[in-house]
């Protein structure tokens, strides 16, 4: 079995890798932009220094459930129900991924 790559195959793999890296970088930037809305209350990267809960490092499923609860009104909040209603389900998923990867100090 000959496992050598032909130049066209190498070029295709290289371009595909570049595209994937670009998409990943764009997704991380988009997640950071969405998360920036949360930092005013929940602190940088979701690490609150005050009475408002930190959201950094929360389990993804917990974050999604909490946000959906705020969105539907089944979870009590002072202002989070208003914020949550402004996010699509996909945006909530992106935020859940982002904050689940943030480290708590």
PDB file of N, CA and C in Angstrom:
ATOM      1  N   UNK A   1       0.841  -1.162   0.000  1.00  0.00           N
ATOM      2  CA  UNK A   1       0.000   0.000   0.000  1.00  0.00           C
ATOM      3  C   UNK A   1       0.893   1.234   0.000  1.00  0.00           C
ATOM      4  N   UNK A   2       0.667   2.128  -0.929  1.00  0.00           N
ATOM      5  CA  UNK A   2       1.460   3.342  -1.061  1.00  0.00           C
ATOM      6  C   UNK A   2       0.765   4.468  -0.311  1.00  0.00           C
ATOM      7  N   UNK A   3       1.394   4.993   0.749  1.00  0.00           N
ATOM      8  CA  UNK A   3       0.803   6.049   1.558  1.00  0.00           C
ATOM      9  C   UNK A   3       1.365   7.426   1.237  1.00  0.00           C
ATOM     10  N   UNK A   4       2.074   7.552   0.144  1.00  0.00           N
ATOM     11  CA  UNK A   4       2.654   8.849  -0.184  1.00  0.00           C
ATOM     12  C   UNK A   4       1.548   9.805  -0.649  1.00  0.00           C
ATOM     13  N   UNK A   5       1.700  11.065  -0.284  1.00  0.00           N
ATOM     14  CA  UNK A   5       0.739  12.087  -0.672  1.00  0.00           C
ATOM     15  C   UNK A   5       1.135  12.709  -1.996  1.00  0.00           C
ATOM     16  N   UNK A   6       0.198  12.920  -2.823  1.00  0.00           N
ATOM     17  CA  UNK A   6       0.432  13.649  -4.057  1.00  0.00           C
ATOM     18  C   UNK A   6       0.318  15.137  -3.732  1.00  0.00           C
ATOM     19  N   UNK A   7       0.979  15.996  -4.486  1.00  0.00           N
ATOM     20  CA  UNK A   7       0.942  17.432  -4.187  1.00  0.00           C
ATOM     21  C   UNK A   7      -0.468  17.991  -4.066  1.00  0.00           C
ATOM     22  N   UNK A   8      -1.378  17.542  -4.908  1.00  0.00           N
ATOM     23  CA  UNK A   8      -2.750  18.064  -4.852  1.00  0.00           C
ATOM     24  C   UNK A   8      -3.434  17.655  -3.548  1.00  0.00           C
ATOM     25  N   UNK A   9      -3.160  16.441  -3.101  1.00  0.00           N
ATOM     26  CA  UNK A   9      -3.739  15.961  -1.844  1.00  0.00           C
ATOM     27  C   UNK A   9      -3.201  16.780  -0.681  1.00  0.00           C
ATOM     28  N   UNK A  10      -1.899  17.026  -0.676  1.00  0.00           N
ATOM     29  CA  UNK A  10      -1.296  17.824   0.387  1.00  0.00           C
ATOM     30  C   UNK A  10      -1.889  19.229   0.393  1.00  0.00           C
ATOM     31  N   UNK A  11      -2.047  19.821  -0.771  1.00  0.00           N
ATOM     32  CA  UNK A  11      -2.606  21.165  -0.871  1.00  0.00           C
ATOM     33  C   UNK A  11      -4.027  21.198  -0.325  1.00  0.00           C
ATOM     34  N   UNK A  12      -4.817  20.195  -0.661  1.00  0.00           N
ATOM     35  CA  UNK A  12      -6.193  20.128  -0.167  1.00  0.00           C
ATOM     36  C   UNK A  12      -6.218  20.021   1.348  1.00  0.00           C
ATOM     37  N   UNK A  13      -5.400  19.139   1.908  1.00  0.00           N
ATOM     38  CA  UNK A  13      -5.344  18.956   3.363  1.00  0.00           C
ATOM     39  C   UNK A  13      -4.900  20.249   4.036  1.00  0.00           C
ATOM     40  N   UNK A  14      -3.908  20.909   3.466  1.00  0.00           N
ATOM     41  CA  UNK A  14      -3.404  22.160   4.023  1.00  0.00           C
ATOM     42  C   UNK A  14      -4.496  23.228   4.027  1.00  0.00           C
ATOM     43  N   UNK A  15      -5.191  23.388   2.911  1.00  0.00           N
ATOM     44  CA  UNK A  15      -6.261  24.392   2.820  1.00  0.00           C
ATOM     45  C   UNK A  15      -7.390  24.051   3.794  1.00  0.00           C
ATOM     46  N   UNK A  16      -7.754  22.787   3.875  1.00  0.00           N
ATOM     47  CA  UNK A  16      -8.811  22.378   4.801  1.00  0.00           C
ATOM     48  C   UNK A  16      -8.422  22.684   6.248  1.00  0.00           C
ATOM     49  N   UNK A  17      -7.177  22.444   6.606  1.00  0.00           N
ATOM     50  CA  UNK A  17      -6.701  22.730   7.959  1.00  0.00           C
ATOM     51  C   UNK A  17      -6.743  24.225   8.234  1.00  0.00           C
ATOM     52  N   UNK A  18      -6.365  25.026   7.256  1.00  0.00           N
ATOM     53  CA  UNK A  18      -6.411  26.482   7.422  1.00  0.00           C
ATOM     54  C   UNK A  18      -7.844  26.977   7.599  1.00  0.00           C
ATOM     55  N   UNK A  19      -8.752  26.429   6.823  1.00  0.00           N
ATOM     56  CA  UNK A  19     -10.159  26.811   6.932  1.00  0.00           C
ATOM     57  C   UNK A  19     -10.698  26.443   8.305  1.00  0.00           C
ATOM     58  N   UNK A  20     -10.393  25.246   8.769  1.00  0.00           N
ATOM     59  CA  UNK A  20     -10.859  24.814  10.093  1.00  0.00           C
ATOM     60  C   UNK A  20     -10.295  25.704  11.191  1.00  0.00           C
ATOM     61  N   UNK A  21      -9.032  26.057  11.104  1.00  0.00           N
ATOM     62  CA  UNK A  21      -8.410  26.928  12.100  1.00  0.00           C
ATOM     63  C   UNK A  21      -9.064  28.305  12.085  1.00  0.00           C
ATOM     64  N   UNK A  22      -9.392  28.800  10.899  1.00  0.00           N
ATOM     65  CA  UNK A  22     -10.041  30.098  10.778  1.00  0.00           C
ATOM     66  C   UNK A  22     -11.446  30.068  11.377  1.00  0.00           C
ATOM     67  N   UNK A  23     -12.189  29.016  11.100  1.00  0.00           N
ATOM     68  CA  UNK A  23     -13.540  28.876  11.648  1.00  0.00           C
ATOM     69  C   UNK A  23     -13.476  28.792  13.171  1.00  0.00           C
ATOM     70  N   UNK A  24     -12.537  28.032  13.702  1.00  0.00           N
ATOM     71  CA  UNK A  24     -12.384  27.921  15.143  1.00  0.00           C
ATOM     72  C   UNK A  24     -12.072  29.273  15.759  1.00  0.00           C
ATOM     73  N   UNK A  25     -11.176  30.026  15.168  1.00  0.00           N
ATOM     74  CA  UNK A  25     -10.829  31.353  15.678  1.00  0.00           C
ATOM     75  C   UNK A  25     -12.033  32.287  15.632  1.00  0.00           C
ATOM     76  N   UNK A  26     -12.812  32.215  14.559  1.00  0.00           N
ATOM     77  CA  UNK A  26     -14.012  33.047  14.450  1.00  0.00           C
ATOM     78  C   UNK A  26     -15.030  32.657  15.521  1.00  0.00           C
ATOM     79  N   UNK A  27     -15.190  31.349  15.766  1.00  0.00           N
ATOM     80  CA  UNK A  27     -16.132  30.892  16.788  1.00  0.00           C
ATOM     81  C   UNK A  27     -15.704  31.357  18.170  1.00  0.00           C
ATOM     82  N   UNK A  28     -14.400  31.292  18.448  1.00  0.00           N
ATOM     83  CA  UNK A  28     -13.913  31.746  19.748  1.00  0.00           C
ATOM     84  C   UNK A  28     -14.104  33.246  19.895  1.00  0.00           C
ATOM     85  N   UNK A  29     -13.892  33.997  18.828  1.00  0.00           N
ATOM     86  CA  UNK A  29     -14.116  35.444  18.870  1.00  0.00           C
ATOM     87  C   UNK A  29     -15.587  35.749  19.085  1.00  0.00           C
ATOM     88  N   UNK A  30     -16.461  35.036  18.385  1.00  0.00           N
ATOM     89  CA  UNK A  30     -17.900  35.238  18.547  1.00  0.00           C
ATOM     90  C   UNK A  30     -18.332  34.912  19.968  1.00  0.00           C
ATOM     91  N   UNK A  31     -17.808  33.844  20.534  1.00  0.00           N
ATOM     92  CA  UNK A  31     -18.143  33.472  21.907  1.00  0.00           C
ATOM     93  C   UNK A  31     -17.660  34.546  22.872  1.00  0.00           C
ATOM     94  N   UNK A  32     -16.454  35.039  22.660  1.00  0.00           N
ATOM     95  CA  UNK A  32     -15.931  36.106  23.513  1.00  0.00           C
ATOM     96  C   UNK A  32     -16.755  37.377  23.410  1.00  0.00           C
ATOM     97  N   UNK A  33     -17.226  37.684  22.209  1.00  0.00           N
ATOM     98  CA  UNK A  33     -18.076  38.865  22.032  1.00  0.00           C
ATOM     99  C   UNK A  33     -19.404  38.704  22.752  1.00  0.00           C
ATOM    100  N   UNK A  34     -20.007  37.532  22.647  1.00  0.00           N
ATOM    101  CA  UNK A  34     -21.258  37.283  23.376  1.00  0.00           C
ATOM    102  C   UNK A  34     -21.024  37.352  24.880  1.00  0.00           C
ATOM    103  N   UNK A  35     -19.943  36.753  25.331  1.00  0.00           N
ATOM    104  CA  UNK A  35     -19.640  36.701  26.767  1.00  0.00           C
ATOM    105  C   UNK A  35     -19.329  38.072  27.330  1.00  0.00           C
ATOM    106  N   UNK A  36     -18.865  38.988  26.493  1.00  0.00           N
ATOM    107  CA  UNK A  36     -18.554  40.338  26.962  1.00  0.00           C
ATOM    108  C   UNK A  36     -19.775  41.012  27.567  1.00  0.00           C
ATOM    109  N   UNK A  37     -20.956  40.649  27.095  1.00  0.00           N
ATOM    110  CA  UNK A  37     -22.183  41.211  27.656  1.00  0.00           C
ATOM    111  C   UNK A  37     -22.385  40.800  29.114  1.00  0.00           C
ATOM    112  N   UNK A  38     -21.792  39.708  29.504  1.00  0.00           N
ATOM    113  CA  UNK A  38     -21.996  39.164  30.851  1.00  0.00           C
ATOM    114  C   UNK A  38     -21.011  39.726  31.869  1.00  0.00           C
ATOM    115  N   UNK A  39     -19.894  40.275  31.378  1.00  0.00           N
ATOM    116  CA  UNK A  39     -18.809  40.655  32.282  1.00  0.00           C
ATOM    117  C   UNK A  39     -19.123  41.864  33.151  1.00  0.00           C
ATOM    118  N   UNK A  40     -20.052  42.690  32.731  1.00  0.00           N
ATOM    119  CA  UNK A  40     -20.410  43.850  33.541  1.00  0.00           C
ATOM    120  C   UNK A  40     -20.890  43.455  34.928  1.00  0.00           C
ATOM    121  N   UNK A  41     -21.608  42.358  35.014  1.00  0.00           N
ATOM    122  CA  UNK A  41     -22.121  41.888  36.310  1.00  0.00           C
ATOM    123  C   UNK A  41     -21.343  40.690  36.847  1.00  0.00           C
ATOM    124  N   UNK A  42     -21.017  39.748  35.960  1.00  0.00           N
ATOM    125  CA  UNK A  42     -20.399  38.486  36.394  1.00  0.00           C
ATOM    126  C   UNK A  42     -18.876  38.521  36.394  1.00  0.00           C
ATOM    127  N   UNK A  43     -18.292  39.657  36.003  1.00  0.00           N
ATOM    128  CA  UNK A  43     -16.849  39.829  36.062  1.00  0.00           C
ATOM    129  C   UNK A  43     -16.124  39.275  34.854  1.00  0.00           C
ATOM    130  N   UNK A  44     -14.825  39.624  34.745  1.00  0.00           N
ATOM    131  CA  UNK A  44     -14.017  39.146  33.622  1.00  0.00           C
ATOM    132  C   UNK A  44     -14.005  37.621  33.544  1.00  0.00           C
ATOM    133  N   UNK A  45     -14.292  37.107  32.367  1.00  0.00           N
ATOM    134  CA  UNK A  45     -14.344  35.658  32.123  1.00  0.00           C
ATOM    135  C   UNK A  45     -15.342  34.946  33.031  1.00  0.00           C
ATOM    136  N   UNK A  46     -16.290  35.706  33.584  1.00  0.00           N
ATOM    137  CA  UNK A  46     -17.318  35.105  34.434  1.00  0.00           C
ATOM    138  C   UNK A  46     -16.925  34.962  35.888  1.00  0.00           C
ATOM    139  N   UNK A  47     -15.829  35.590  36.302  1.00  0.00           N
ATOM    140  CA  UNK A  47     -15.354  35.524  37.685  1.00  0.00           C
ATOM    141  C   UNK A  47     -15.761  36.785  38.434  1.00  0.00           C
ATOM    142  N   UNK A  48     -16.853  36.704  39.155  1.00  0.00           N
ATOM    143  CA  UNK A  48     -17.393  37.843  39.881  1.00  0.00           C
ATOM    144  C   UNK A  48     -16.586  38.103  41.148  1.00  0.00           C
ATOM    145  N   UNK A  49     -16.395  39.375  41.443  1.00  0.00           N
ATOM    146  CA  UNK A  49     -15.707  39.759  42.679  1.00  0.00           C
ATOM    147  C   UNK A  49     -16.702  40.223  43.728  1.00  0.00           C
ATOM    148  N   UNK A  50     -17.977  40.207  43.395  1.00  0.00           N
ATOM    149  CA  UNK A  50     -18.992  40.727  44.305  1.00  0.00           C
ATOM    150  C   UNK A  50     -20.052  39.711  44.650  1.00  0.00           C
ATOM    151  N   UNK A  51     -21.234  40.234  44.915  1.00  0.00           N
ATOM    152  CA  UNK A  51     -22.347  39.393  45.357  1.00  0.00           C
ATOM    153  C   UNK A  51     -22.992  38.609  44.217  1.00  0.00           C
ATOM    154  N   UNK A  52     -22.767  39.044  42.998  1.00  0.00           N
ATOM    155  CA  UNK A  52     -23.351  38.345  41.850  1.00  0.00           C
ATOM    156  C   UNK A  52     -22.564  37.060  41.621  1.00  0.00           C
ATOM    157  N   UNK A  53     -23.247  35.957  41.366  1.00  0.00           N
ATOM    158  CA  UNK A  53     -22.547  34.667  41.223  1.00  0.00           C
ATOM    159  C   UNK A  53     -21.546  34.645  40.071  1.00  0.00           C
ATOM    160  N   UNK A  54     -20.455  33.953  40.309  1.00  0.00           N
ATOM    161  CA  UNK A  54     -19.502  33.677  39.225  1.00  0.00           C
ATOM    162  C   UNK A  54     -20.105  32.601  38.332  1.00  0.00           C
ATOM    163  N   UNK A  55     -19.884  32.754  37.041  1.00  0.00           N
ATOM    164  CA  UNK A  55     -20.385  31.753  36.099  1.00  0.00           C
ATOM    165  C   UNK A  55     -19.246  31.024  35.398  1.00  0.00           C
ATOM    166  N   UNK A  56     -18.024  31.401  35.704  1.00  0.00           N
ATOM    167  CA  UNK A  56     -16.859  30.710  35.135  1.00  0.00           C
ATOM    168  C   UNK A  56     -16.810  29.284  35.653  1.00  0.00           C
ATOM    169  N   UNK A  57     -16.552  28.351  34.764  1.00  0.00           N
ATOM    170  CA  UNK A  57     -16.382  26.959  35.144  1.00  0.00           C
ATOM    171  C   UNK A  57     -17.665  26.196  35.435  1.00  0.00           C
ATOM    172  N   UNK A  58     -18.820  26.828  35.210  1.00  0.00           N
ATOM    173  CA  UNK A  58     -20.073  26.095  35.414  1.00  0.00           C
ATOM    174  C   UNK A  58     -20.180  24.974  34.397  1.00  0.00           C
ATOM    175  N   UNK A  59     -20.783  23.879  34.808  1.00  0.00           N
ATOM    176  CA  UNK A  59     -21.013  22.791  33.858  1.00  0.00           C
ATOM    177  C   UNK A  59     -21.926  23.298  32.746  1.00  0.00           C
ATOM    178  N   UNK A  60     -21.626  22.861  31.553  1.00  0.00           N
ATOM    179  CA  UNK A  60     -22.347  23.311  30.369  1.00  0.00           C
ATOM    180  C   UNK A  60     -23.861  23.101  30.509  1.00  0.00           C
ATOM    181  N   UNK A  61     -24.259  21.903  30.899  1.00  0.00           N
ATOM    182  CA  UNK A  61     -25.687  21.576  31.011  1.00  0.00           C
ATOM    183  C   UNK A  61     -26.376  22.438  32.075  1.00  0.00           C
ATOM    184  N   UNK A  62     -25.680  22.695  33.167  1.00  0.00           N
ATOM    185  CA  UNK A  62     -26.245  23.548  34.223  1.00  0.00           C
ATOM    186  C   UNK A  62     -26.464  24.960  33.694  1.00  0.00           C
ATOM    187  N   UNK A  63     -25.469  25.493  32.992  1.00  0.00           N
ATOM    188  CA  UNK A  63     -25.575  26.847  32.439  1.00  0.00           C
ATOM    189  C   UNK A  63     -26.763  26.935  31.484  1.00  0.00           C
ATOM    190  N   UNK A  64     -26.867  25.978  30.565  1.00  0.00           N
ATOM    191  CA  UNK A  64     -27.973  25.983  29.594  1.00  0.00           C
ATOM    192  C   UNK A  64     -29.309  25.906  30.327  1.00  0.00           C
ATOM    193  N   UNK A  65     -29.416  25.013  31.301  1.00  0.00           N
ATOM    194  CA  UNK A  65     -30.658  24.872  32.048  1.00  0.00           C
ATOM    195  C   UNK A  65     -31.040  26.140  32.792  1.00  0.00           C
ATOM    196  N   UNK A  66     -30.045  26.777  33.394  1.00  0.00           N
ATOM    197  CA  UNK A  66     -30.310  28.020  34.118  1.00  0.00           C
ATOM    198  C   UNK A  66     -30.782  29.114  33.159  1.00  0.00           C
ATOM    199  N   UNK A  67     -30.079  29.246  32.043  1.00  0.00           N
ATOM    200  CA  UNK A  67     -30.463  30.286  31.084  1.00  0.00           C
ATOM    201  C   UNK A  67     -31.847  30.019  30.490  1.00  0.00           C
ATOM    202  N   UNK A  68     -32.149  28.764  30.203  1.00  0.00           N
ATOM    203  CA  UNK A  68     -33.479  28.437  29.682  1.00  0.00           C
ATOM    204  C   UNK A  68     -34.550  28.718  30.747  1.00  0.00           C
ATOM    205  N   UNK A  69     -34.217  28.432  31.999  1.00  0.00           N
ATOM    206  CA  UNK A  69     -35.144  28.741  33.092  1.00  0.00           C
ATOM    207  C   UNK A  69     -35.402  30.238  33.219  1.00  0.00           C
ATOM    208  N   UNK A  70     -34.346  31.036  33.097  1.00  0.00           N
ATOM    209  CA  UNK A  70     -34.517  32.490  33.115  1.00  0.00           C
ATOM    210  C   UNK A  70     -35.362  32.938  31.928  1.00  0.00           C
ATOM    211  N   UNK A  71     -35.081  32.353  30.780  1.00  0.00           N
ATOM    212  CA  UNK A  71     -35.762  32.733  29.539  1.00  0.00           C
ATOM    213  C   UNK A  71     -37.266  32.447  29.602  1.00  0.00           C
ATOM    214  N   UNK A  72     -37.623  31.303  30.182  1.00  0.00           N
ATOM    215  CA  UNK A  72     -39.043  30.929  30.254  1.00  0.00           C
ATOM    216  C   UNK A  72     -39.744  31.490  31.477  1.00  0.00           C
ATOM    217  N   UNK A  73     -38.959  31.977  32.438  1.00  0.00           N
ATOM    218  CA  UNK A  73     -39.542  32.508  33.666  1.00  0.00           C
ATOM    219  C   UNK A  73     -39.705  31.475  34.760  1.00  0.00           C
ATOM    220  N   UNK A  74     -39.292  30.235  34.516  1.00  0.00           N
ATOM    221  CA  UNK A  74     -39.427  29.192  35.534  1.00  0.00           C
ATOM    222  C   UNK A  74     -38.353  29.291  36.611  1.00  0.00           C
ATOM    223  N   UNK A  75     -37.325  30.074  36.366  1.00  0.00           N
ATOM    224  CA  UNK A  75     -36.279  30.309  37.367  1.00  0.00           C
ATOM    225  C   UNK A  75     -36.338  31.787  37.756  1.00  0.00           C
ATOM    226  N   UNK A  76     -36.431  32.032  39.045  1.00  0.00           N
ATOM    227  CA  UNK A  76     -36.561  33.390  39.550  1.00  0.00           C
ATOM    228  C   UNK A  76     -35.277  34.186  39.366  1.00  0.00           C
ATOM    229  N   UNK A  77     -35.442  35.466  39.056  1.00  0.00           N
ATOM    230  CA  UNK A  77     -34.297  36.353  38.878  1.00  0.00           C
ATOM    231  C   UNK A  77     -34.758  37.797  39.003  1.00  0.00           C
ATOM    232  N   UNK A  78     -33.791  38.659  39.226  1.00  0.00           N
ATOM    233  CA  UNK A  78     -34.117  40.089  39.236  1.00  0.00           C
ATOM    234  C   UNK A  78     -34.020  40.662  37.825  1.00  0.00           C
ATOM    235  N   UNK A  79     -32.918  40.415  37.136  1.00  0.00           N
ATOM    236  CA  UNK A  79     -32.756  40.944  35.784  1.00  0.00           C
ATOM    237  C   UNK A  79     -32.403  39.882  34.745  1.00  0.00           C
ATOM    238  N   UNK A  80     -31.987  38.699  35.182  1.00  0.00           N
ATOM    239  CA  UNK A  80     -31.525  37.686  34.230  1.00  0.00           C
ATOM    240  C   UNK A  80     -32.610  37.240  33.255  1.00  0.00           C
ATOM    241  N   UNK A  81     -33.857  37.280  33.675  1.00  0.00           N
ATOM    242  CA  UNK A  81     -34.911  36.872  32.746  1.00  0.00           C
ATOM    243  C   UNK A  81     -34.953  37.815  31.536  1.00  0.00           C
ATOM    244  N   UNK A  82     -34.653  39.082  31.736  1.00  0.00           N
ATOM    245  CA  UNK A  82     -34.615  40.029  30.623  1.00  0.00           C
ATOM    246  C   UNK A  82     -33.417  39.764  29.710  1.00  0.00           C
ATOM    247  N   UNK A  83     -32.276  39.499  30.314  1.00  0.00           N
ATOM    248  CA  UNK A  83     -31.078  39.209  29.513  1.00  0.00           C
ATOM    249  C   UNK A  83     -31.253  37.913  28.720  1.00  0.00           C
ATOM    250  N   UNK A  84     -31.720  36.872  29.377  1.00  0.00           N
ATOM    251  CA  UNK A  84     -31.838  35.557  28.740  1.00  0.00           C
ATOM    252  C   UNK A  84     -32.791  35.579  27.551  1.00  0.00           C
ATOM    253  N   UNK A  85     -33.842  36.373  27.636  1.00  0.00           N
ATOM    254  CA  UNK A  85     -34.791  36.454  26.520  1.00  0.00           C
ATOM    255  C   UNK A  85     -34.164  37.043  25.269  1.00  0.00           C
ATOM    256  N   UNK A  86     -33.037  37.733  25.417  1.00  0.00           N
ATOM    257  CA  UNK A  86     -32.356  38.324  24.280  1.00  0.00           C
ATOM    258  C   UNK A  86     -31.434  37.377  23.536  1.00  0.00           C
ATOM    259  N   UNK A  87     -31.268  36.158  24.046  1.00  0.00           N
ATOM    260  CA  UNK A  87     -30.373  35.189  23.417  1.00  0.00           C
ATOM    261  C   UNK A  87     -31.156  34.079  22.737  1.00  0.00           C
ATOM    262  N   UNK A  88     -30.667  33.656  21.584  1.00  0.00           N
ATOM    263  CA  UNK A  88     -31.238  32.483  20.929  1.00  0.00           C
ATOM    264  C   UNK A  88     -30.739  31.240  21.662  1.00  0.00           C
ATOM    265  N   UNK A  89     -31.360  30.114  21.399  1.00  0.00           N
ATOM    266  CA  UNK A  89     -30.897  28.859  22.002  1.00  0.00           C
ATOM    267  C   UNK A  89     -29.463  28.554  21.575  1.00  0.00           C
ATOM    268  N   UNK A  90     -29.121  28.852  20.331  1.00  0.00           N
ATOM    269  CA  UNK A  90     -27.759  28.622  19.846  1.00  0.00           C
ATOM    270  C   UNK A  90     -26.768  29.524  20.579  1.00  0.00           C
ATOM    271  N   UNK A  91     -27.128  30.766  20.805  1.00  0.00           N
ATOM    272  CA  UNK A  91     -26.237  31.675  21.538  1.00  0.00           C
ATOM    273  C   UNK A  91     -26.039  31.217  22.979  1.00  0.00           C
ATOM    274  N   UNK A  92     -27.082  30.693  23.590  1.00  0.00           N
ATOM    275  CA  UNK A  92     -26.962  30.150  24.946  1.00  0.00           C
ATOM    276  C   UNK A  92     -25.998  28.976  24.952  1.00  0.00           C
ATOM    277  N   UNK A  93     -26.066  28.140  23.940  1.00  0.00           N
ATOM    278  CA  UNK A  93     -25.140  27.004  23.824  1.00  0.00           C
ATOM    279  C   UNK A  93     -23.693  27.497  23.689  1.00  0.00           C
ATOM    280  N   UNK A  94     -23.491  28.536  22.891  1.00  0.00           N
ATOM    281  CA  UNK A  94     -22.152  29.108  22.706  1.00  0.00           C
ATOM    282  C   UNK A  94     -21.647  29.668  24.034  1.00  0.00           C
ATOM    283  N   UNK A  95     -22.502  30.385  24.748  1.00  0.00           N
ATOM    284  CA  UNK A  95     -22.115  30.927  26.052  1.00  0.00           C
ATOM    285  C   UNK A  95     -21.802  29.809  27.044  1.00  0.00           C
ATOM    286  N   UNK A  96     -22.588  28.757  27.011  1.00  0.00           N
ATOM    287  CA  UNK A  96     -22.347  27.618  27.909  1.00  0.00           C
ATOM    288  C   UNK A  96     -20.982  27.001  27.639  1.00  0.00           C
ATOM    289  N   UNK A  97     -20.650  26.834  26.367  1.00  0.00           N
ATOM    290  CA  UNK A  97     -19.324  26.310  26.007  1.00  0.00           C
ATOM    291  C   UNK A  97     -18.233  27.237  26.513  1.00  0.00           C
ATOM    292  N   UNK A  98     -18.408  28.528  26.268  1.00  0.00           N
ATOM    293  CA  UNK A  98     -17.395  29.510  26.648  1.00  0.00           C
ATOM    294  C   UNK A  98     -17.171  29.518  28.163  1.00  0.00           C
ATOM    295  N   UNK A  99     -18.239  29.680  28.929  1.00  0.00           N
ATOM    296  CA  UNK A  99     -18.064  29.806  30.369  1.00  0.00           C
ATOM    297  C   UNK A  99     -17.667  28.491  31.038  1.00  0.00           C
ATOM    298  N   UNK A 100     -18.045  27.360  30.461  1.00  0.00           N
ATOM    299  CA  UNK A 100     -17.626  26.078  31.045  1.00  0.00           C
ATOM    300  C   UNK A 100     -16.120  25.885  30.923  1.00  0.00           C
ATOM    301  N   UNK A 101     -15.485  26.573  29.977  1.00  0.00           N
ATOM    302  CA  UNK A 101     -14.043  26.451  29.768  1.00  0.00           C
ATOM    303  C   UNK A 101     -13.230  27.490  30.547  1.00  0.00           C
ATOM    304  N   UNK A 102     -13.906  28.439  31.186  1.00  0.00           N
ATOM    305  CA  UNK A 102     -13.191  29.463  31.935  1.00  0.00           C
ATOM    306  C   UNK A 102     -12.797  28.924  33.306  1.00  0.00           C
ATOM    307  N   UNK A 103     -11.650  29.352  33.760  1.00  0.00           N
ATOM    308  CA  UNK A 103     -11.128  28.887  35.052  1.00  0.00           C
ATOM    309  C   UNK A 103     -11.565  29.832  36.169  1.00  0.00           C
ATOM    310  N   UNK A 104     -11.880  29.252  37.293  1.00  0.00           N
ATOM    311  CA  UNK A 104     -12.127  30.045  38.494  1.00  0.00           C
ATOM    312  C   UNK A 104     -10.793  30.287  39.185  1.00  0.00           C
ATOM    313  N   UNK A 105     -10.630  31.467  39.766  1.00  0.00           N
ATOM    314  CA  UNK A 105      -9.332  31.732  40.442  1.00  0.00           C
ATOM    315  C   UNK A 105      -9.125  30.864  41.661  1.00  0.00           C
TER     316      UNK A 105
END
